[in-house]
C-alpha cells in the first residue's frame, strides 16, 4: 500500500533543472492571475474562478492547462471573440436535465455554475445531465468532476474543443482533444479522479514544450502527408496551427494500438457536448483567439450514490476494490501502483507546501501580459 509518509513531498514531474524554474506560492500565483483577468475586463467573480482553475492545474502538475494558458485567454478577450462580461442564460430546465448558454464567455465560470446545477438536480433525481453551448475552453475537466466529489457524488465532465486531432485513418484535423473526467468520492483523500484527453497528448503540452524549448516525441503528431512529425515543439506547433499537421488520437496511428478507440471516444464526446447541446462540433468549433465565437460545448453529470445504496456501503465496496488493485504484483520497472488521480493529488499537497514550479519563460510571459494590459504587479522570475 502507498503510505502518506513516503509521498509527503511527491511531485509527478521529473526533478526540476536548476536555474530554469522559480517556485511561486499558489496564493501569490492565483492572486496575480486574478489581477490579470480583471485587468483584461472580467468581473472579479469570474476572474477568481478562472484563476482558481488554472492554478489548480499547476498544483496538480498539469502544467499544460495551468497559467501558461493565460496569454491565449486574454488575447481572446482583447482581440476578438471571448466575451469578458457574459450573461449566462438557462435555456432549458426540466427534471434532471438543463441547458445553459455561456454567451461566449470563458468556460470556467459557466462550468462551475453548470456542475452546481447538476449536483442539485442529482440530489433530487438521483442522476443529472447539464449541457452548455456557446462557451470557450474551460481548463482541466477534472476540476468540475471534483466539485461533485466534494459533495459526496460521482461527477462527470466532458468538453469538445477546437479541431486539432486526426480521426483514425485520416490525416486532417477534425476532432478536438475532447477530454473525459470522472471523479469518485472516497471516505478519505485522495479521491479517485480519471481525467484524460482522448488524444495522445493535449495541445497545451505541445504549447508548453514550445515555451520550454523541448522536443516533441515521434508518435504524437501526424503530417498531412501521413508522416510522423517530431523535434522542435515550436515548429511542430506551427504546423498544427497552420493545418499542415494534426495530433494523433489516443492509441496513436491506425488501429493496431487502439487509435480507433481514441477517435471514437472523441467523436462521442462531440455528439453529447457539441451536437446535443446545440454547440459547434468537430471542424466547426472555433479558436479562443479566432475570428468567430468558438461555440464550445460542455457536458456535466452527477450521480447521487445514495440513490443506489448507502454511502457507507459504497465506500466499503470502493475501498475493497482499491485494496485489490494496490495488492497486485507490481511490475519490476514500476515505482508503485497508482490509482487514477493519486499522482495529481500528492503533487498538489506538495506544491501547496513548497510552491508551484514555474518555468522562467512562462513567468516572463505572465509579466509581459501584465505590462501589455496595464497591470502594475509582477512575479519575481529570478
Protein backbone atom coordinates (compact mmCIF):
# COMPACT_ATOMS: atom_id res chain seq x y z
CA UNK A 1 0.00 0.00 0.00
CA UNK A 2 1.12 3.56 -0.71
CA UNK A 3 1.75 5.45 2.51
CA UNK A 4 1.29 9.15 3.09
CA UNK A 5 4.76 9.30 4.65
CA UNK A 6 6.82 8.31 1.62
CA UNK A 7 4.78 10.64 -0.61
CA UNK A 8 4.96 13.64 1.69
CA UNK A 9 6.89 15.68 -0.89
CA UNK A 10 5.97 13.85 -4.09
CA UNK A 11 5.78 15.61 -7.46
CA UNK A 12 4.64 13.81 -10.60
CA UNK A 13 7.09 15.66 -12.87
CA UNK A 14 10.83 14.83 -13.08
CA UNK A 15 13.31 16.79 -10.94
CA UNK A 16 13.34 20.46 -11.88
CA UNK A 17 16.54 21.59 -13.67
CA UNK A 18 18.30 24.22 -11.53
CA UNK A 19 18.07 27.74 -12.87
CA UNK A 20 15.16 27.11 -15.24
CA UNK A 21 12.28 27.38 -12.76
CA UNK A 22 11.18 29.53 -9.87
CA UNK A 23 8.91 28.42 -7.04
CA UNK A 24 5.80 30.57 -6.63
CA UNK A 25 3.29 30.19 -3.82
CA UNK A 26 -0.13 29.13 -5.03
CA UNK A 27 -1.86 32.06 -3.33
CA UNK A 28 0.58 34.51 -4.91
CA UNK A 29 0.15 32.97 -8.35
CA UNK A 30 -3.63 32.87 -8.06
CA UNK A 31 -3.82 36.48 -6.88
CA UNK A 32 -1.61 37.66 -9.72
CA UNK A 33 -3.58 35.64 -12.29
CA UNK A 34 -6.84 37.06 -10.96
CA UNK A 35 -5.50 40.59 -11.40
CA UNK A 36 -4.55 39.83 -15.00
CA UNK A 37 -8.09 38.75 -15.83
CA UNK A 38 -9.76 41.65 -14.05
CA UNK A 39 -7.30 43.89 -15.90
CA UNK A 40 -8.50 42.33 -19.15
CA UNK A 41 -12.10 43.17 -18.29
CA UNK A 42 -13.54 40.14 -16.49
CA UNK A 43 -15.67 40.60 -13.41
CA UNK A 44 -13.90 39.93 -10.12
CA UNK A 45 -16.07 36.84 -9.60
CA UNK A 46 -15.29 35.33 -12.99
CA UNK A 47 -11.60 36.24 -12.73
CA UNK A 48 -11.46 34.42 -9.38
CA UNK A 49 -12.91 31.25 -10.92
CA UNK A 50 -10.59 31.30 -13.94
CA UNK A 51 -7.54 31.87 -11.73
CA UNK A 52 -8.63 29.10 -9.37
CA UNK A 53 -8.99 26.55 -12.19
CA UNK A 54 -5.67 27.46 -13.82
CA UNK A 55 -3.66 27.41 -10.60
CA UNK A 56 -5.31 24.14 -9.53
CA UNK A 57 -4.00 22.62 -12.77
CA UNK A 58 -0.48 23.80 -11.92
CA UNK A 59 -0.84 22.50 -8.37
CA UNK A 60 -1.79 19.09 -9.75
CA UNK A 61 1.18 19.04 -12.09
CA UNK A 62 -0.95 19.56 -15.22
CA UNK A 63 1.16 22.49 -16.43
CA UNK A 64 -0.25 22.22 -19.96
CA UNK A 65 -3.54 23.57 -18.59
CA UNK A 66 -2.14 25.95 -15.99
CA UNK A 67 -1.16 29.59 -16.14
CA UNK A 68 0.76 29.04 -19.37
CA UNK A 69 -2.70 29.44 -21.00
CA UNK A 70 -3.23 32.97 -19.65
CA UNK A 71 -1.86 34.66 -22.78
CA UNK A 72 -4.20 32.73 -25.05
CA UNK A 73 -7.28 33.50 -22.96
CA UNK A 74 -6.51 37.19 -22.60
CA UNK A 75 -5.68 37.54 -26.28
CA UNK A 76 -9.11 36.07 -26.97
CA UNK A 77 -10.70 38.73 -24.77
CA UNK A 78 -8.73 41.60 -26.29
CA UNK A 79 -8.59 40.59 -29.96
CA UNK A 80 -11.89 39.02 -30.77
CA UNK A 81 -14.34 36.55 -29.54
CA UNK A 82 -14.14 35.89 -25.81
CA UNK A 83 -16.88 37.86 -24.06
CA UNK A 84 -15.40 39.28 -20.83
CA UNK A 85 -18.82 40.04 -19.30
CA UNK A 86 -21.11 37.18 -20.36
CA UNK A 87 -24.74 36.88 -19.28
CA UNK A 88 -25.20 33.14 -18.76
CA UNK A 89 -28.75 32.05 -19.59
CA UNK A 90 -30.73 28.99 -18.58
CA UNK A 91 -32.33 27.89 -21.86
CA UNK A 92 -33.98 24.65 -20.76
CA UNK A 93 -34.72 23.28 -17.30
CA UNK A 94 -36.73 20.14 -16.82
CA UNK A 95 -36.39 17.43 -14.21
CA UNK A 96 -32.88 16.01 -14.17
CA UNK A 97 -31.61 17.98 -17.17
CA UNK A 98 -30.74 21.56 -18.08
CA UNK A 99 -29.14 23.55 -20.90
CA UNK A 100 -27.12 26.74 -20.39
CA UNK A 101 -25.87 29.35 -22.85
CA UNK A 102 -22.45 30.75 -21.88
CA UNK A 103 -22.80 33.89 -24.03
CA UNK A 104 -19.28 33.48 -25.45
CA UNK A 105 -17.52 33.77 -22.09
CA UNK A 106 -14.63 31.67 -20.85
CA UNK A 107 -15.76 28.18 -19.92
CA UNK A 108 -14.51 28.12 -16.34
CA UNK A 109 -17.28 30.21 -14.68
CA UNK A 110 -20.12 28.60 -16.62
CA UNK A 111 -18.54 25.19 -15.97
CA UNK A 112 -18.72 25.75 -12.22
CA UNK A 113 -22.31 27.00 -12.48
CA UNK A 114 -23.38 24.07 -14.65
CA UNK A 115 -21.87 21.49 -12.30
CA UNK A 116 -23.56 23.16 -9.34
CA UNK A 117 -26.87 22.80 -11.18
CA UNK A 118 -26.04 19.15 -11.95
CA UNK A 119 -25.25 18.46 -8.29
CA UNK A 120 -28.54 19.92 -7.04
CA UNK A 121 -30.54 18.01 -9.65
CA UNK A 122 -28.79 14.74 -8.79
CA UNK A 123 -29.68 15.21 -5.12
CA UNK A 124 -33.34 15.35 -6.19
CA UNK A 125 -33.48 12.93 -9.13
CA UNK A 126 -30.55 10.59 -8.46
CA UNK A 127 -28.75 11.47 -11.68
CA UNK A 128 -28.46 14.59 -13.82
CA UNK A 129 -27.12 15.91 -17.11
CA UNK A 130 -26.43 19.59 -17.74
CA UNK A 131 -25.19 20.79 -21.13
CA UNK A 132 -23.57 24.10 -22.10
CA UNK A 133 -23.39 25.78 -25.51
CA UNK A 134 -21.69 28.93 -26.82
CA UNK A 135 -18.73 28.62 -24.45
CA UNK A 136 -14.93 28.70 -24.64
CA UNK A 137 -12.13 26.49 -23.30
CA UNK A 138 -12.79 25.55 -19.66
CA UNK A 139 -9.42 24.27 -18.43
CA UNK A 140 -8.98 20.87 -16.79
CA UNK A 141 -12.09 18.69 -16.98
CA UNK A 142 -11.30 17.10 -13.63
CA UNK A 143 -11.82 20.36 -11.74
CA UNK A 144 -15.57 20.15 -12.36
CA UNK A 145 -15.83 16.42 -11.62
CA UNK A 146 -14.23 17.11 -8.24
CA UNK A 147 -16.93 19.71 -7.49
CA UNK A 148 -19.37 16.79 -7.31
CA UNK A 149 -16.93 14.58 -5.38
CA UNK A 150 -16.62 17.16 -2.58
CA UNK A 151 -20.41 16.90 -2.19
CA UNK A 152 -20.28 13.11 -1.97
CA UNK A 153 -21.45 12.49 -5.53
CA UNK A 154 -19.85 10.87 -8.58
CA UNK A 155 -19.04 13.64 -11.07
CA UNK A 156 -18.56 13.52 -14.84
CA UNK A 157 -17.28 16.33 -17.03
CA UNK A 158 -16.53 16.31 -20.77
CA UNK A 159 -15.98 19.01 -23.37
CA UNK A 160 -15.18 19.39 -27.03
CA UNK A 161 -12.56 21.79 -28.34
CA UNK A 162 -11.06 23.28 -31.48
CA UNK A 163 -10.06 20.90 -34.28
CA UNK A 164 -6.58 19.60 -33.51
CA UNK A 165 -6.79 15.82 -33.77
CA UNK A 166 -6.96 13.48 -36.75
CA UNK A 167 -9.75 10.92 -36.94
CA UNK A 168 -8.36 7.38 -37.24
CA UNK A 169 -7.09 6.54 -40.75
CA UNK A 170 -7.20 10.22 -41.80
CA UNK A 171 -4.58 12.98 -41.78
CA UNK A 172 -6.62 16.17 -41.30
CA UNK A 173 -7.53 17.99 -38.08
CA UNK A 174 -11.21 17.40 -37.37
CA UNK A 175 -11.61 16.40 -33.69
CA UNK A 176 -10.85 18.26 -30.52
CA UNK A 177 -8.71 16.75 -27.77
CA UNK A 178 -12.12 16.23 -26.09
CA UNK A 179 -11.25 15.15 -22.52
CA UNK A 180 -13.26 12.90 -20.24
CA UNK A 181 -13.17 13.28 -16.44
CA UNK A 182 -14.86 11.08 -13.84
CA UNK A 183 -14.49 11.68 -10.11
CA UNK A 184 -15.43 9.19 -7.37
CA UNK A 185 -15.68 10.04 -3.65
CA UNK A 186 -13.77 8.04 -1.04
CA UNK A 187 -14.04 8.09 2.76
CA UNK A 188 -10.65 9.88 2.91
CA UNK A 189 -8.37 11.58 0.35
CA UNK A 190 -7.16 11.20 -2.26
CA UNK A 191 -10.37 10.92 -4.28
CA UNK A 192 -10.41 8.81 -7.42
CA UNK A 193 -10.17 11.08 -10.46
CA UNK A 194 -9.77 9.96 -14.05
CA UNK A 195 -9.08 12.97 -16.29
CA UNK A 196 -7.63 12.43 -19.75
CA UNK A 197 -7.74 13.81 -23.25
CA UNK A 198 -8.92 11.47 -26.00
CA UNK A 199 -5.77 12.44 -27.94
CA UNK A 200 -2.25 11.12 -27.41
CA UNK A 201 -1.39 14.49 -25.83
CA UNK A 202 -3.30 17.73 -25.24
CA UNK A 203 -2.22 20.64 -27.41
CA UNK A 204 -1.35 22.53 -24.23
CA UNK A 205 1.54 20.13 -23.68
CA UNK A 206 2.96 20.96 -27.10
CA UNK A 207 2.44 24.66 -26.37
CA UNK A 208 4.31 24.29 -23.10
CA UNK A 209 7.12 22.36 -24.79
CA UNK A 210 7.44 25.19 -27.31
CA UNK A 211 7.88 27.72 -24.50
CA UNK A 212 10.39 25.47 -22.75
CA UNK A 213 12.40 24.73 -25.88
CA UNK A 214 11.70 20.99 -25.67
CA UNK A 215 11.22 18.46 -28.48
CA UNK A 216 8.01 16.71 -29.49
CA UNK A 217 8.21 12.92 -29.46
CA UNK A 218 7.57 10.88 -32.57
CA UNK A 219 4.09 9.37 -32.36
CA UNK A 220 2.32 12.48 -31.12
CA UNK A 221 1.76 14.44 -34.35
CA UNK A 222 0.88 13.44 -37.90
CA UNK A 223 1.70 15.45 -41.03
CA UNK A 224 -0.82 15.92 -43.84
CA UNK A 225 1.30 13.56 -45.97
CA UNK A 226 0.97 10.81 -43.35
CA UNK A 227 4.46 11.19 -41.91
CA UNK A 228 5.08 11.31 -38.16
CA UNK A 229 6.46 14.67 -37.03
CA UNK A 230 8.86 15.19 -34.14
CA UNK A 231 11.56 17.58 -32.99
CA UNK A 232 11.33 21.29 -32.20
CA UNK A 233 7.98 21.84 -30.46
CA UNK A 234 7.58 25.41 -31.75
CA UNK A 235 7.93 24.22 -35.34
CA UNK A 236 5.55 21.30 -34.83
CA UNK A 237 3.01 23.57 -33.13
CA UNK A 238 3.22 25.92 -36.10
CA UNK A 239 2.44 23.03 -38.45
CA UNK A 240 -0.60 22.12 -36.36
CA UNK A 241 -1.90 25.70 -36.19
CA UNK A 242 -1.42 26.13 -39.95
CA UNK A 243 -3.42 22.98 -40.68
CA UNK A 244 -0.46 21.04 -42.04
CA UNK A 245 -0.40 18.58 -39.14
CA UNK A 246 -2.72 17.01 -36.56
CA UNK A 247 -2.34 15.43 -33.14
CA UNK A 248 -2.96 11.70 -33.16
CA UNK A 249 -5.92 10.23 -31.25
CA UNK A 250 -5.41 8.22 -28.07
CA UNK A 251 -3.90 4.92 -29.17
CA UNK A 252 -1.81 6.51 -31.90
CA UNK A 253 -1.57 5.89 -35.62
CA UNK A 254 -4.04 3.45 -37.14
CA UNK A 255 -5.93 0.73 -35.30
CA UNK A 256 -3.15 -1.62 -34.16
CA UNK A 257 -2.76 0.05 -30.75
CA UNK A 258 -6.26 1.50 -30.47
CA UNK A 259 -6.32 4.74 -32.47
CA UNK A 260 -9.90 3.91 -33.41
CA UNK A 261 -10.79 3.83 -29.73
CA UNK A 262 -9.39 7.29 -29.03
CA UNK A 263 -11.03 8.89 -32.05
CA UNK A 264 -14.27 7.03 -31.29
CA UNK A 265 -14.33 8.42 -27.75
CA UNK A 266 -13.61 11.93 -29.05
CA UNK A 267 -16.43 11.59 -31.58
CA UNK A 268 -18.91 10.52 -28.89
CA UNK A 269 -17.88 13.41 -26.62
CA UNK A 270 -18.60 15.71 -29.55
CA UNK A 271 -22.04 14.18 -30.10
CA UNK A 272 -23.07 14.82 -26.48
CA UNK A 273 -21.23 18.07 -25.69
CA UNK A 274 -21.46 19.58 -29.18
CA UNK A 275 -24.32 18.19 -31.25
CA UNK A 276 -26.82 17.59 -28.44
CA UNK A 277 -26.13 20.89 -26.66
CA UNK A 278 -26.57 22.98 -29.79
CA UNK A 279 -22.89 23.98 -29.73
CA UNK A 280 -20.43 23.51 -32.57
CA UNK A 281 -18.78 20.15 -33.20
CA UNK A 282 -15.62 18.85 -34.83
CA UNK A 283 -14.25 21.14 -37.53
CA UNK A 284 -16.87 23.80 -36.69
CA UNK A 285 -15.56 24.59 -33.18
CA UNK A 286 -13.70 27.91 -33.22
CA UNK A 287 -10.46 29.05 -31.58
CA UNK A 288 -10.15 31.15 -28.44
CA UNK A 289 -8.27 33.74 -30.49
CA UNK A 290 -10.08 33.04 -33.77
CA UNK A 291 -12.19 35.26 -35.96
CA UNK A 292 -15.55 33.98 -34.72
CA UNK A 293 -17.01 32.77 -31.40
CA UNK A 294 -15.67 29.32 -30.52
CA UNK A 295 -19.09 27.92 -29.51
CA UNK A 296 -17.53 25.16 -27.43
CA UNK A 297 -19.89 22.67 -25.81
CA UNK A 298 -19.57 21.07 -22.35
CA UNK A 299 -21.47 18.30 -20.58
CA UNK A 300 -21.70 17.74 -16.82
CA UNK A 301 -23.32 14.84 -15.00
CA UNK A 302 -23.68 13.90 -11.36
CA UNK A 303 -24.70 10.62 -9.75
CA UNK A 304 -26.15 10.53 -6.24
CA UNK A 305 -24.65 7.41 -4.66
CA UNK A 306 -27.38 7.25 -2.03
CA UNK A 307 -30.00 6.80 -4.74
CA UNK A 308 -28.50 3.32 -5.23
CA UNK A 309 -27.01 2.33 -1.87
CA UNK A 310 -25.87 3.85 1.39
CA UNK A 311 -22.69 5.91 1.26
CA UNK A 312 -21.19 3.60 3.89
CA UNK A 313 -21.73 0.56 1.67
CA UNK A 314 -20.40 2.35 -1.41
CA UNK A 315 -17.26 3.47 0.42
CA UNK A 316 -16.71 -0.06 1.70
CA UNK A 317 -17.00 -1.54 -1.78
CA UNK A 318 -14.76 1.10 -3.37
CA UNK A 319 -12.08 0.64 -0.72
CA UNK A 320 -12.19 -3.12 -1.18
CA UNK A 321 -11.59 -2.61 -4.90
CA UNK A 322 -8.76 -0.17 -4.18
CA UNK A 323 -7.15 -2.69 -1.82
CA UNK A 324 -7.34 -5.38 -4.51
CA UNK A 325 -5.66 -3.13 -7.07
CA UNK A 326 -2.94 -2.00 -4.67
CA UNK A 327 -2.20 -5.63 -3.72
CA UNK A 328 -1.49 -6.77 -7.28
CA UNK A 329 2.05 -7.87 -8.19
CA UNK A 330 3.97 -4.74 -9.20
CA UNK A 331 5.91 -4.62 -12.46
CA UNK A 332 9.66 -4.64 -11.68
CA UNK A 333 10.22 -1.33 -13.50
CA UNK A 334 7.26 0.44 -11.86
CA UNK A 335 7.76 2.71 -8.87
CA UNK A 336 4.36 1.87 -7.34
CA UNK A 337 0.76 1.07 -8.24
CA UNK A 338 -1.21 4.27 -8.72
CA UNK A 339 -4.95 4.92 -8.74
CA UNK A 340 -6.41 7.48 -11.17
CA UNK A 341 -5.75 10.93 -9.72
CA UNK A 342 -3.30 9.88 -7.00
CA UNK A 343 -0.24 11.44 -8.63
CA UNK A 344 -2.08 14.72 -9.11
CA UNK A 345 -3.34 14.70 -5.51
CA UNK A 346 0.06 14.16 -3.90
CA UNK A 347 1.65 16.68 -6.27
CA UNK A 348 -0.95 19.23 -5.17
CA UNK A 349 -0.30 18.57 -1.48
CA UNK A 350 3.44 19.01 -2.07
CA UNK A 351 3.08 22.22 -4.07
CA UNK A 352 0.76 23.74 -1.50
CA UNK A 353 3.71 23.41 0.89
CA UNK A 354 6.72 24.29 -1.28
CA UNK A 355 5.19 26.34 -4.11
CA UNK A 356 4.49 25.78 -7.79
CA UNK A 357 7.50 25.35 -10.12
CA UNK A 358 7.03 27.96 -12.83
CA UNK A 359 9.37 27.89 -15.81
CA UNK A 360 11.08 31.25 -16.22
CA UNK A 361 9.81 31.60 -19.79
CA UNK A 362 6.22 31.19 -18.58
CA UNK A 363 6.89 33.57 -15.69
CA UNK A 364 8.25 36.23 -18.03
CA UNK A 365 5.29 35.78 -20.36
CA UNK A 366 2.88 36.42 -17.49
CA UNK A 367 4.77 39.60 -16.60
CA UNK A 368 4.62 40.67 -20.24
CA UNK A 369 0.85 40.14 -20.25
CA UNK A 370 0.64 42.34 -17.16
CA UNK A 371 2.65 45.04 -18.90
CA UNK A 372 0.52 44.81 -22.05
CA UNK A 373 -2.76 45.36 -20.20
CA UNK A 374 -1.53 47.91 -17.67
CA UNK A 375 -1.37 45.74 -14.53
CA UNK A 376 1.42 47.03 -12.32
CA UNK A 377 2.07 43.83 -10.32
CA UNK A 378 4.85 41.44 -11.37
CA UNK A 379 6.05 37.99 -10.35
CA UNK A 380 9.67 37.56 -9.36
CA UNK A 381 11.13 35.39 -12.13
CA UNK A 382 14.63 35.09 -10.62
